[in-house]
Amino acid sequence: MGLFPLLNDPPVFVLAFLLGALGLMLHNLFQAWLAHRYGEVAPRRYGFLSLDPRVHLEPLGLVLLVLLGFGWPRFVPTGLPGRKGAWVALMGPLGFFVAAFLYGLLARFLPYPFGEGFMVGEQLMLLHAAIYLFPVPPLDGAKALYAVGGPEARRFLDQLAGYGPLGFILVFLVLSYTGVTGAVVQGLGGLLGTLYRALGL
């Protein structure tokens, strides 16, 4: 679990970690860009349209990236309601998917240790894209549902959010061990493979 198995190959471990951190930044940049397009001023005000890792990255999220292979960034401050809020939230998983596509593309052409590192990065990003779609606070799927859902959906999400980070980590582990996460990752990987084949790769 996590990046620990790569410790016996330090160059790949370091590269995979850096690519994971970059993916977390891309997640935020995708969300901040669309929120800014919709007229939200907070993302620019707080620096989320910049490439400064100090703005985007959160220490605990990076630790969990190593421990679990799954982390989180600082969340982009947005308050857009309705469909606009939902689209902003879903831009996060799209950012991970785009990162997975680019990493997988580079992995096909780069030698060791870069090819192996980018291949691990591709899998990390597919995992993040899958998990962030789940409607579990504070993930993007929950934010999208909260933006467009009715009162009952919002009450349910508020109850889930009350369990805090430990509740989220527990849900993450349950979904992983029951195969739900793997099934979603496999589906996204299939879509990625279709894109590569369409490009003749």
N, C-alpha and C. Protein backbone atom coordinates (compact mmCIF):
# COMPACT_ATOMS: atom_id res chain seq x y z
N MET A 1 0.85 -1.19 0.00
CA MET A 1 0.00 0.00 0.00
C MET A 1 0.88 1.24 0.00
N GLY A 2 0.44 2.29 -0.67
CA GLY A 2 1.20 3.51 -0.70
C GLY A 2 2.45 3.39 -1.55
N LEU A 3 3.40 4.26 -1.29
CA LEU A 3 4.63 4.29 -2.06
C LEU A 3 5.77 3.51 -1.40
N PHE A 4 5.51 2.91 -0.25
CA PHE A 4 6.56 2.20 0.48
C PHE A 4 7.25 1.11 -0.34
N PRO A 5 6.52 0.33 -1.17
CA PRO A 5 7.23 -0.70 -1.94
C PRO A 5 8.30 -0.14 -2.87
N LEU A 6 8.25 1.16 -3.16
CA LEU A 6 9.22 1.76 -4.06
C LEU A 6 10.49 2.22 -3.35
N LEU A 7 10.54 2.07 -2.03
CA LEU A 7 11.71 2.54 -1.30
C LEU A 7 12.98 1.80 -1.69
N ASN A 8 12.82 0.57 -2.22
CA ASN A 8 14.02 -0.16 -2.67
C ASN A 8 14.50 0.34 -4.03
N ASP A 9 13.79 1.31 -4.60
CA ASP A 9 14.20 1.93 -5.87
C ASP A 9 14.06 3.45 -5.69
N PRO A 10 14.98 4.08 -4.97
CA PRO A 10 14.83 5.49 -4.58
C PRO A 10 14.52 6.45 -5.72
N PRO A 11 15.18 6.35 -6.91
CA PRO A 11 14.85 7.31 -7.97
C PRO A 11 13.38 7.25 -8.38
N VAL A 12 12.83 6.03 -8.49
CA VAL A 12 11.43 5.89 -8.87
C VAL A 12 10.53 6.39 -7.75
N PHE A 13 10.90 6.10 -6.51
CA PHE A 13 10.12 6.57 -5.36
C PHE A 13 10.03 8.09 -5.35
N VAL A 14 11.16 8.76 -5.49
CA VAL A 14 11.17 10.23 -5.45
C VAL A 14 10.37 10.81 -6.61
N LEU A 15 10.56 10.26 -7.81
CA LEU A 15 9.85 10.77 -8.97
C LEU A 15 8.35 10.56 -8.82
N ALA A 16 7.93 9.37 -8.35
CA ALA A 16 6.51 9.10 -8.17
C ALA A 16 5.90 10.05 -7.15
N PHE A 17 6.63 10.32 -6.07
CA PHE A 17 6.13 11.25 -5.06
C PHE A 17 5.97 12.65 -5.65
N LEU A 18 6.96 13.11 -6.40
CA LEU A 18 6.88 14.45 -7.00
C LEU A 18 5.74 14.54 -8.00
N LEU A 19 5.54 13.48 -8.77
CA LEU A 19 4.44 13.48 -9.74
C LEU A 19 3.09 13.46 -9.03
N GLY A 20 3.01 12.75 -7.92
CA GLY A 20 1.78 12.77 -7.14
C GLY A 20 1.49 14.16 -6.61
N ALA A 21 2.52 14.83 -6.09
CA ALA A 21 2.34 16.20 -5.60
C ALA A 21 1.94 17.14 -6.72
N LEU A 22 2.56 16.98 -7.89
CA LEU A 22 2.20 17.80 -9.04
C LEU A 22 0.75 17.56 -9.45
N GLY A 23 0.31 16.32 -9.39
CA GLY A 23 -1.08 16.01 -9.71
C GLY A 23 -2.05 16.70 -8.76
N LEU A 24 -1.71 16.76 -7.48
CA LEU A 24 -2.56 17.47 -6.52
C LEU A 24 -2.64 18.95 -6.87
N MET A 25 -1.54 19.52 -7.34
CA MET A 25 -1.56 20.92 -7.76
C MET A 25 -2.42 21.11 -9.00
N LEU A 26 -2.33 20.19 -9.95
CA LEU A 26 -3.16 20.29 -11.16
C LEU A 26 -4.64 20.20 -10.82
N HIS A 27 -4.98 19.35 -9.87
CA HIS A 27 -6.36 19.26 -9.39
C HIS A 27 -6.86 20.65 -8.99
N ASN A 28 -6.06 21.35 -8.20
CA ASN A 28 -6.46 22.67 -7.73
C ASN A 28 -6.49 23.70 -8.86
N LEU A 29 -5.50 23.64 -9.74
CA LEU A 29 -5.45 24.60 -10.83
C LEU A 29 -6.65 24.47 -11.75
N PHE A 30 -7.08 23.24 -12.02
CA PHE A 30 -8.26 23.03 -12.86
C PHE A 30 -9.49 23.65 -12.19
N GLN A 31 -9.66 23.40 -10.90
CA GLN A 31 -10.82 23.95 -10.20
C GLN A 31 -10.74 25.47 -10.12
N ALA A 32 -9.56 26.00 -9.78
CA ALA A 32 -9.42 27.44 -9.63
C ALA A 32 -9.65 28.16 -10.95
N TRP A 33 -9.19 27.56 -12.05
CA TRP A 33 -9.36 28.19 -13.36
C TRP A 33 -10.84 28.32 -13.70
N LEU A 34 -11.61 27.24 -13.53
CA LEU A 34 -13.02 27.31 -13.90
C LEU A 34 -13.78 28.22 -12.95
N ALA A 35 -13.47 28.16 -11.66
CA ALA A 35 -14.13 29.05 -10.71
C ALA A 35 -13.86 30.51 -11.08
N HIS A 36 -12.63 30.81 -11.47
CA HIS A 36 -12.29 32.17 -11.90
C HIS A 36 -13.08 32.55 -13.15
N ARG A 37 -13.22 31.62 -14.08
CA ARG A 37 -14.01 31.88 -15.30
C ARG A 37 -15.46 32.18 -14.96
N TYR A 38 -15.96 31.57 -13.90
CA TYR A 38 -17.34 31.79 -13.48
C TYR A 38 -17.49 33.06 -12.64
N GLY A 39 -16.40 33.77 -12.40
CA GLY A 39 -16.48 35.03 -11.67
C GLY A 39 -16.13 34.95 -10.20
N GLU A 40 -15.70 33.78 -9.73
CA GLU A 40 -15.30 33.64 -8.33
C GLU A 40 -13.93 34.30 -8.13
N VAL A 41 -13.82 35.18 -7.13
CA VAL A 41 -12.58 35.94 -6.93
C VAL A 41 -11.64 35.28 -5.93
N ALA A 42 -12.15 34.42 -5.07
CA ALA A 42 -11.33 33.85 -3.99
C ALA A 42 -10.13 33.05 -4.49
N PRO A 43 -10.27 32.20 -5.52
CA PRO A 43 -9.10 31.42 -5.94
C PRO A 43 -7.90 32.29 -6.33
N ARG A 44 -8.12 33.36 -7.07
CA ARG A 44 -7.00 34.24 -7.43
C ARG A 44 -6.51 35.00 -6.20
N ARG A 45 -7.41 35.45 -5.37
CA ARG A 45 -7.02 36.23 -4.19
C ARG A 45 -6.09 35.43 -3.29
N TYR A 46 -6.36 34.13 -3.16
CA TYR A 46 -5.55 33.30 -2.26
C TYR A 46 -4.45 32.54 -2.98
N GLY A 47 -4.22 32.87 -4.25
CA GLY A 47 -3.07 32.33 -4.96
C GLY A 47 -3.26 30.99 -5.62
N PHE A 48 -4.49 30.52 -5.74
CA PHE A 48 -4.70 29.18 -6.28
C PHE A 48 -4.58 29.11 -7.80
N LEU A 49 -4.42 30.25 -8.45
CA LEU A 49 -4.14 30.25 -9.88
C LEU A 49 -2.64 30.29 -10.16
N SER A 50 -1.84 30.26 -9.10
CA SER A 50 -0.39 30.27 -9.24
C SER A 50 0.15 28.84 -9.21
N LEU A 51 1.44 28.70 -9.49
CA LEU A 51 2.11 27.40 -9.44
C LEU A 51 2.91 27.24 -8.15
N ASP A 52 2.63 28.06 -7.15
CA ASP A 52 3.35 28.00 -5.88
C ASP A 52 2.89 26.77 -5.10
N PRO A 53 3.76 25.78 -4.89
CA PRO A 53 3.34 24.57 -4.17
C PRO A 53 2.94 24.85 -2.73
N ARG A 54 3.44 25.94 -2.14
CA ARG A 54 3.08 26.27 -0.76
C ARG A 54 1.61 26.62 -0.64
N VAL A 55 1.02 27.10 -1.72
CA VAL A 55 -0.40 27.42 -1.73
C VAL A 55 -1.24 26.15 -1.84
N HIS A 56 -0.80 25.24 -2.67
CA HIS A 56 -1.63 24.10 -3.03
C HIS A 56 -1.46 22.88 -2.12
N LEU A 57 -0.26 22.65 -1.63
CA LEU A 57 0.03 21.38 -0.97
C LEU A 57 -0.13 21.48 0.54
N GLU A 58 -0.61 20.40 1.12
CA GLU A 58 -0.91 20.34 2.54
C GLU A 58 -0.10 19.19 3.15
N PRO A 59 0.63 19.43 4.25
CA PRO A 59 1.56 18.42 4.76
C PRO A 59 0.93 17.05 5.03
N LEU A 60 -0.22 17.01 5.70
CA LEU A 60 -0.83 15.72 6.00
C LEU A 60 -1.21 15.00 4.72
N GLY A 61 -1.69 15.75 3.73
CA GLY A 61 -2.03 15.13 2.45
C GLY A 61 -0.84 14.48 1.79
N LEU A 62 0.35 15.10 1.92
CA LEU A 62 1.56 14.53 1.34
C LEU A 62 2.02 13.30 2.11
N VAL A 63 1.86 13.32 3.43
CA VAL A 63 2.21 12.14 4.24
C VAL A 63 1.34 10.96 3.85
N LEU A 64 0.04 11.21 3.68
CA LEU A 64 -0.87 10.13 3.30
C LEU A 64 -0.61 9.65 1.88
N LEU A 65 -0.10 10.54 1.03
CA LEU A 65 0.28 10.12 -0.31
C LEU A 65 1.33 9.03 -0.24
N VAL A 66 2.27 9.16 0.68
CA VAL A 66 3.30 8.14 0.86
C VAL A 66 2.73 6.90 1.55
N LEU A 67 1.91 7.10 2.58
CA LEU A 67 1.42 5.98 3.38
C LEU A 67 0.37 5.16 2.66
N LEU A 68 -0.57 5.84 1.98
CA LEU A 68 -1.72 5.18 1.37
C LEU A 68 -1.71 5.20 -0.15
N GLY A 69 -0.82 6.00 -0.74
CA GLY A 69 -0.88 6.18 -2.19
C GLY A 69 -1.98 7.13 -2.60
N PHE A 70 -2.54 7.83 -1.61
CA PHE A 70 -3.65 8.74 -1.85
C PHE A 70 -3.49 9.94 -0.92
N GLY A 71 -3.50 11.14 -1.47
CA GLY A 71 -3.37 12.33 -0.65
C GLY A 71 -4.37 13.39 -1.04
N TRP A 72 -4.22 14.55 -0.43
CA TRP A 72 -5.10 15.66 -0.80
C TRP A 72 -4.34 16.97 -0.69
N PRO A 73 -4.77 17.97 -1.47
CA PRO A 73 -4.17 19.30 -1.41
C PRO A 73 -4.98 20.19 -0.46
N ARG A 74 -4.55 21.43 -0.33
CA ARG A 74 -5.41 22.43 0.29
C ARG A 74 -6.59 22.65 -0.66
N PHE A 75 -7.76 22.77 -0.10
CA PHE A 75 -8.94 22.86 -0.96
C PHE A 75 -9.15 24.28 -1.47
N VAL A 76 -9.53 24.38 -2.73
CA VAL A 76 -9.74 25.67 -3.38
C VAL A 76 -10.97 26.34 -2.79
N PRO A 77 -10.87 27.59 -2.33
CA PRO A 77 -12.03 28.27 -1.75
C PRO A 77 -13.00 28.73 -2.83
N THR A 78 -14.11 28.08 -2.91
CA THR A 78 -15.16 28.48 -3.85
C THR A 78 -16.50 28.38 -3.14
N GLY A 79 -17.43 29.19 -3.58
CA GLY A 79 -18.76 29.16 -2.98
C GLY A 79 -19.85 29.22 -4.03
N LEU A 80 -19.54 28.75 -5.22
CA LEU A 80 -20.51 28.83 -6.31
C LEU A 80 -21.63 27.81 -6.10
N PRO A 81 -22.87 28.23 -6.26
CA PRO A 81 -23.99 27.32 -6.06
C PRO A 81 -24.38 26.61 -7.36
N GLY A 82 -25.24 25.62 -7.23
CA GLY A 82 -25.86 24.98 -8.38
C GLY A 82 -24.88 24.31 -9.32
N ARG A 83 -25.24 24.32 -10.59
CA ARG A 83 -24.45 23.60 -11.58
C ARG A 83 -23.03 24.14 -11.71
N LYS A 84 -22.87 25.44 -11.56
CA LYS A 84 -21.52 26.00 -11.64
C LYS A 84 -20.63 25.42 -10.55
N GLY A 85 -21.16 25.34 -9.34
CA GLY A 85 -20.39 24.75 -8.25
C GLY A 85 -20.07 23.29 -8.50
N ALA A 86 -21.03 22.57 -9.09
CA ALA A 86 -20.80 21.16 -9.39
C ALA A 86 -19.71 20.99 -10.45
N TRP A 87 -19.76 21.82 -11.49
CA TRP A 87 -18.75 21.72 -12.54
C TRP A 87 -17.36 22.06 -12.01
N VAL A 88 -17.29 23.07 -11.14
CA VAL A 88 -15.99 23.41 -10.54
C VAL A 88 -15.45 22.23 -9.75
N ALA A 89 -16.31 21.59 -8.97
CA ALA A 89 -15.88 20.44 -8.17
C ALA A 89 -15.37 19.32 -9.07
N LEU A 90 -16.09 19.04 -10.15
CA LEU A 90 -15.73 17.92 -11.02
C LEU A 90 -14.49 18.20 -11.86
N MET A 91 -14.09 19.45 -11.93
CA MET A 91 -12.84 19.75 -12.63
C MET A 91 -11.64 19.13 -11.92
N GLY A 92 -11.77 18.89 -10.62
CA GLY A 92 -10.68 18.28 -9.88
C GLY A 92 -10.34 16.88 -10.37
N PRO A 93 -11.31 15.95 -10.40
CA PRO A 93 -11.04 14.63 -10.97
C PRO A 93 -10.58 14.70 -12.43
N LEU A 94 -11.11 15.67 -13.19
CA LEU A 94 -10.66 15.81 -14.57
C LEU A 94 -9.17 16.18 -14.60
N GLY A 95 -8.74 17.04 -13.68
CA GLY A 95 -7.33 17.38 -13.60
C GLY A 95 -6.46 16.16 -13.34
N PHE A 96 -6.92 15.28 -12.45
CA PHE A 96 -6.18 14.04 -12.19
C PHE A 96 -6.14 13.16 -13.44
N PHE A 97 -7.25 13.09 -14.15
CA PHE A 97 -7.31 12.24 -15.34
C PHE A 97 -6.37 12.78 -16.42
N VAL A 98 -6.34 14.09 -16.60
CA VAL A 98 -5.43 14.69 -17.57
C VAL A 98 -3.98 14.41 -17.17
N ALA A 99 -3.68 14.52 -15.88
CA ALA A 99 -2.33 14.20 -15.40
C ALA A 99 -1.99 12.75 -15.69
N ALA A 100 -2.95 11.84 -15.46
CA ALA A 100 -2.72 10.42 -15.74
C ALA A 100 -2.42 10.21 -17.22
N PHE A 101 -3.16 10.90 -18.08
CA PHE A 101 -2.94 10.78 -19.52
C PHE A 101 -1.53 11.24 -19.89
N LEU A 102 -1.12 12.39 -19.37
CA LEU A 102 0.20 12.93 -19.70
C LEU A 102 1.32 12.06 -19.13
N TYR A 103 1.15 11.59 -17.90
CA TYR A 103 2.17 10.73 -17.30
C TYR A 103 2.31 9.43 -18.09
N GLY A 104 1.16 8.84 -18.44
CA GLY A 104 1.20 7.59 -19.19
C GLY A 104 1.83 7.77 -20.56
N LEU A 105 1.56 8.92 -21.16
CA LEU A 105 2.15 9.22 -22.47
C LEU A 105 3.67 9.30 -22.37
N LEU A 106 4.15 10.02 -21.38
CA LEU A 106 5.60 10.17 -21.20
C LEU A 106 6.26 8.85 -20.81
N ALA A 107 5.55 8.03 -20.05
CA ALA A 107 6.12 6.75 -19.63
C ALA A 107 6.45 5.86 -20.81
N ARG A 108 5.75 6.05 -21.92
CA ARG A 108 5.98 5.20 -23.10
C ARG A 108 7.28 5.54 -23.82
N PHE A 109 7.84 6.70 -23.56
CA PHE A 109 9.00 7.15 -24.33
C PHE A 109 10.25 7.39 -23.50
N LEU A 110 10.12 7.40 -22.18
CA LEU A 110 11.26 7.75 -21.34
C LEU A 110 11.95 6.50 -20.80
N PRO A 111 13.28 6.54 -20.66
CA PRO A 111 14.02 5.40 -20.11
C PRO A 111 13.94 5.37 -18.58
N TYR A 112 14.50 4.31 -18.02
CA TYR A 112 14.60 4.19 -16.56
C TYR A 112 15.48 5.31 -16.01
N PRO A 113 15.14 5.91 -14.85
CA PRO A 113 14.00 5.58 -13.99
C PRO A 113 12.76 6.39 -14.31
N PHE A 114 12.85 7.25 -15.33
CA PHE A 114 11.75 8.17 -15.60
C PHE A 114 10.51 7.44 -16.10
N GLY A 115 10.70 6.48 -17.00
CA GLY A 115 9.55 5.74 -17.51
C GLY A 115 8.79 5.04 -16.41
N GLU A 116 9.53 4.36 -15.51
CA GLU A 116 8.89 3.67 -14.40
C GLU A 116 8.21 4.64 -13.45
N GLY A 117 8.88 5.77 -13.18
CA GLY A 117 8.29 6.77 -12.29
C GLY A 117 7.01 7.35 -12.85
N PHE A 118 7.01 7.65 -14.15
CA PHE A 118 5.80 8.19 -14.76
C PHE A 118 4.69 7.14 -14.83
N MET A 119 5.06 5.88 -14.96
CA MET A 119 4.05 4.83 -14.97
C MET A 119 3.36 4.73 -13.61
N VAL A 120 4.15 4.82 -12.53
CA VAL A 120 3.57 4.85 -11.20
C VAL A 120 2.71 6.10 -11.02
N GLY A 121 3.20 7.23 -11.53
CA GLY A 121 2.43 8.46 -11.47
C GLY A 121 1.09 8.34 -12.17
N GLU A 122 1.08 7.66 -13.31
CA GLU A 122 -0.18 7.44 -14.03
C GLU A 122 -1.17 6.68 -13.16
N GLN A 123 -0.72 5.61 -12.50
CA GLN A 123 -1.60 4.83 -11.65
C GLN A 123 -2.08 5.64 -10.45
N LEU A 124 -1.19 6.45 -9.88
CA LEU A 124 -1.58 7.30 -8.77
C LEU A 124 -2.69 8.26 -9.17
N MET A 125 -2.57 8.85 -10.34
CA MET A 125 -3.56 9.82 -10.79
C MET A 125 -4.90 9.16 -11.12
N LEU A 126 -4.86 7.96 -11.67
CA LEU A 126 -6.12 7.24 -11.91
C LEU A 126 -6.81 6.93 -10.59
N LEU A 127 -6.02 6.54 -9.58
CA LEU A 127 -6.59 6.27 -8.26
C LEU A 127 -7.22 7.53 -7.68
N HIS A 128 -6.53 8.66 -7.79
CA HIS A 128 -7.07 9.91 -7.27
C HIS A 128 -8.34 10.33 -8.03
N ALA A 129 -8.31 10.20 -9.35
CA ALA A 129 -9.50 10.57 -10.14
C ALA A 129 -10.70 9.74 -9.72
N ALA A 130 -10.48 8.45 -9.47
CA ALA A 130 -11.58 7.57 -9.06
C ALA A 130 -12.11 7.96 -7.69
N ILE A 131 -11.21 8.10 -6.73
CA ILE A 131 -11.64 8.35 -5.35
C ILE A 131 -12.31 9.71 -5.22
N TYR A 132 -11.80 10.71 -5.90
CA TYR A 132 -12.36 12.04 -5.75
C TYR A 132 -13.77 12.16 -6.35
N LEU A 133 -14.17 11.17 -7.13
CA LEU A 133 -15.54 11.16 -7.66
C LEU A 133 -16.55 10.67 -6.63
N PHE A 134 -16.08 9.98 -5.60
CA PHE A 134 -17.01 9.42 -4.61
C PHE A 134 -17.70 10.54 -3.83
N PRO A 135 -19.01 10.41 -3.58
CA PRO A 135 -19.75 11.45 -2.84
C PRO A 135 -19.53 11.36 -1.33
N VAL A 136 -18.27 11.47 -0.92
CA VAL A 136 -17.91 11.40 0.49
C VAL A 136 -17.15 12.67 0.85
N PRO A 137 -17.65 13.48 1.79
CA PRO A 137 -16.92 14.69 2.17
C PRO A 137 -15.52 14.35 2.68
N PRO A 138 -14.52 15.15 2.33
CA PRO A 138 -14.57 16.43 1.61
C PRO A 138 -14.24 16.29 0.13
N LEU A 139 -14.52 15.15 -0.47
CA LEU A 139 -14.13 14.90 -1.86
C LEU A 139 -14.99 15.69 -2.83
N ASP A 140 -14.51 15.76 -4.07
CA ASP A 140 -15.18 16.56 -5.09
C ASP A 140 -16.56 16.03 -5.44
N GLY A 141 -16.71 14.71 -5.42
CA GLY A 141 -18.03 14.14 -5.71
C GLY A 141 -19.06 14.62 -4.72
N ALA A 142 -18.68 14.73 -3.44
CA ALA A 142 -19.59 15.24 -2.42
C ALA A 142 -19.90 16.72 -2.64
N LYS A 143 -18.88 17.48 -3.04
CA LYS A 143 -19.10 18.91 -3.29
C LYS A 143 -20.05 19.12 -4.47
N ALA A 144 -19.89 18.29 -5.50
CA ALA A 144 -20.78 18.40 -6.66
C ALA A 144 -22.21 18.06 -6.27
N LEU A 145 -22.37 16.98 -5.48
CA LEU A 145 -23.71 16.58 -5.04
C LEU A 145 -24.31 17.64 -4.13
N TYR A 146 -23.49 18.22 -3.27
CA TYR A 146 -23.98 19.26 -2.36
C TYR A 146 -24.46 20.47 -3.15
N ALA A 147 -23.79 20.76 -4.26
CA ALA A 147 -24.14 21.95 -5.05
C ALA A 147 -25.47 21.78 -5.78
N VAL A 148 -25.78 20.56 -6.21
CA VAL A 148 -26.98 20.36 -7.03
C VAL A 148 -28.03 19.51 -6.33
N GLY A 149 -27.69 18.91 -5.18
CA GLY A 149 -28.62 18.03 -4.50
C GLY A 149 -29.66 18.79 -3.70
N GLY A 150 -30.68 18.06 -3.29
CA GLY A 150 -31.73 18.64 -2.48
C GLY A 150 -31.38 18.65 -1.01
N PRO A 151 -32.32 19.08 -0.16
CA PRO A 151 -32.06 19.16 1.29
C PRO A 151 -31.68 17.82 1.91
N GLU A 152 -32.30 16.73 1.48
CA GLU A 152 -31.98 15.43 2.07
C GLU A 152 -30.55 15.02 1.75
N ALA A 153 -30.13 15.25 0.51
CA ALA A 153 -28.75 14.92 0.14
C ALA A 153 -27.77 15.76 0.94
N ARG A 154 -28.08 17.01 1.16
CA ARG A 154 -27.18 17.88 1.91
C ARG A 154 -27.11 17.48 3.38
N ARG A 155 -28.24 17.09 3.95
CA ARG A 155 -28.22 16.63 5.34
C ARG A 155 -27.37 15.37 5.47
N PHE A 156 -27.52 14.45 4.51
CA PHE A 156 -26.73 13.22 4.54
C PHE A 156 -25.23 13.54 4.46
N LEU A 157 -24.86 14.44 3.57
CA LEU A 157 -23.45 14.81 3.43
C LEU A 157 -22.93 15.52 4.68
N ASP A 158 -23.78 16.34 5.30
CA ASP A 158 -23.37 17.01 6.54
C ASP A 158 -23.11 15.99 7.64
N GLN A 159 -23.94 14.94 7.69
CA GLN A 159 -23.72 13.89 8.69
C GLN A 159 -22.40 13.16 8.44
N LEU A 160 -22.11 12.85 7.17
CA LEU A 160 -20.84 12.20 6.86
C LEU A 160 -19.66 13.10 7.21
N ALA A 161 -19.80 14.38 6.92
CA ALA A 161 -18.71 15.32 7.19
C ALA A 161 -18.43 15.42 8.69
N GLY A 162 -19.43 15.14 9.51
CA GLY A 162 -19.26 15.23 10.95
C GLY A 162 -18.25 14.24 11.51
N TYR A 163 -17.95 13.19 10.76
CA TYR A 163 -16.98 12.20 11.24
C TYR A 163 -15.54 12.65 11.01
N GLY A 164 -15.35 13.71 10.24
CA GLY A 164 -14.02 14.28 10.06
C GLY A 164 -13.10 13.42 9.22
N PRO A 165 -11.80 13.73 9.25
CA PRO A 165 -10.81 13.01 8.43
C PRO A 165 -10.75 11.51 8.72
N LEU A 166 -10.91 11.12 9.98
CA LEU A 166 -10.84 9.69 10.30
C LEU A 166 -11.97 8.92 9.64
N GLY A 167 -13.15 9.52 9.62
CA GLY A 167 -14.27 8.88 8.94
C GLY A 167 -14.02 8.72 7.46
N PHE A 168 -13.43 9.76 6.86
CA PHE A 168 -13.12 9.68 5.44
C PHE A 168 -12.09 8.59 5.16
N ILE A 169 -11.02 8.54 5.98
CA ILE A 169 -9.99 7.52 5.77
C ILE A 169 -10.58 6.12 5.92
N LEU A 170 -11.50 5.95 6.87
CA LEU A 170 -12.15 4.64 7.05
C LEU A 170 -12.94 4.26 5.81
N VAL A 171 -13.71 5.23 5.27
CA VAL A 171 -14.47 4.96 4.05
C VAL A 171 -13.53 4.61 2.90
N PHE A 172 -12.42 5.33 2.80
CA PHE A 172 -11.44 5.06 1.76
C PHE A 172 -10.92 3.63 1.86
N LEU A 173 -10.59 3.19 3.07
CA LEU A 173 -10.07 1.83 3.25
C LEU A 173 -11.12 0.78 2.92
N VAL A 174 -12.37 1.03 3.33
CA VAL A 174 -13.45 0.08 3.04
C VAL A 174 -13.67 -0.04 1.54
N LEU A 175 -13.73 1.09 0.85
CA LEU A 175 -13.93 1.06 -0.60
C LEU A 175 -12.77 0.37 -1.31
N SER A 176 -11.58 0.55 -0.78
CA SER A 176 -10.41 -0.08 -1.40
C SER A 176 -10.44 -1.59 -1.22
N TYR A 177 -10.72 -2.04 0.00
CA TYR A 177 -10.67 -3.47 0.28
C TYR A 177 -11.86 -4.23 -0.27
N THR A 178 -12.96 -3.54 -0.55
CA THR A 178 -14.12 -4.21 -1.14
C THR A 178 -14.09 -4.21 -2.66
N GLY A 179 -13.09 -3.59 -3.24
CA GLY A 179 -12.92 -3.62 -4.69
C GLY A 179 -13.64 -2.53 -5.44
N VAL A 180 -14.37 -1.66 -4.74
CA VAL A 180 -15.10 -0.60 -5.42
C VAL A 180 -14.13 0.37 -6.09
N THR A 181 -13.13 0.78 -5.34
CA THR A 181 -12.15 1.71 -5.90
C THR A 181 -11.44 1.10 -7.10
N GLY A 182 -11.05 -0.16 -6.97
CA GLY A 182 -10.36 -0.83 -8.07
C GLY A 182 -11.20 -0.89 -9.33
N ALA A 183 -12.52 -1.10 -9.17
CA ALA A 183 -13.39 -1.18 -10.33
C ALA A 183 -13.47 0.17 -11.05
N VAL A 184 -13.55 1.25 -10.28
CA VAL A 184 -13.62 2.58 -10.90
C VAL A 184 -12.29 2.91 -11.57
N VAL A 185 -11.18 2.57 -10.90
CA VAL A 185 -9.86 2.80 -11.50
C VAL A 185 -9.73 2.03 -12.80
N GLN A 186 -10.22 0.79 -12.81
CA GLN A 186 -10.14 -0.03 -14.02
C GLN A 186 -10.94 0.60 -15.15
N GLY A 187 -12.12 1.14 -14.82
CA GLY A 187 -12.92 1.80 -15.84
C GLY A 187 -12.24 3.03 -16.41
N LEU A 188 -11.64 3.84 -15.54
CA LEU A 188 -10.92 5.02 -16.01
C LEU A 188 -9.69 4.62 -16.81
N GLY A 189 -9.03 3.53 -16.38
CA GLY A 189 -7.88 3.05 -17.14
C GLY A 189 -8.27 2.58 -18.52
N GLY A 190 -9.45 1.96 -18.63
CA GLY A 190 -9.94 1.55 -19.94
C GLY A 190 -10.20 2.74 -20.84
N LEU A 191 -10.75 3.81 -20.27
CA LEU A 191 -10.97 5.03 -21.05
C LEU A 191 -9.64 5.62 -21.50
N LEU A 192 -8.65 5.58 -20.60
CA LEU A 192 -7.33 6.08 -20.95
C LEU A 192 -6.73 5.27 -22.09
N GLY A 193 -6.88 3.94 -22.02
CA GLY A 193 -6.37 3.09 -23.08
C GLY A 193 -7.03 3.38 -24.41
N THR A 194 -8.33 3.68 -24.38
CA THR A 194 -9.04 4.04 -25.61
C THR A 194 -8.46 5.31 -26.23
N LEU A 195 -8.14 6.28 -25.38
CA LEU A 195 -7.54 7.53 -25.89
C LEU A 195 -6.18 7.27 -26.51
N TYR A 196 -5.38 6.43 -25.87
CA TYR A 196 -4.05 6.12 -26.42
C TYR A 196 -4.18 5.41 -27.77
N ARG A 197 -5.12 4.47 -27.84
CA ARG A 197 -5.30 3.74 -29.11
C ARG A 197 -5.78 4.68 -30.21
N ALA A 198 -6.63 5.64 -29.85
CA ALA A 198 -7.10 6.60 -30.84
C ALA A 198 -5.96 7.46 -31.38
N LEU A 199 -4.92 7.62 -30.55
CA LEU A 199 -3.74 8.38 -30.97
C LEU A 199 -2.69 7.50 -31.63
N GLY A 200 -3.00 6.22 -31.76
CA GLY A 200 -2.06 5.30 -32.39
C GLY A 200 -0.92 4.88 -31.50
N LEU A 201 -1.12 4.93 -30.17
CA LEU A 201 -0.05 4.59 -29.23
C LEU A 201 -0.25 3.19 -28.65
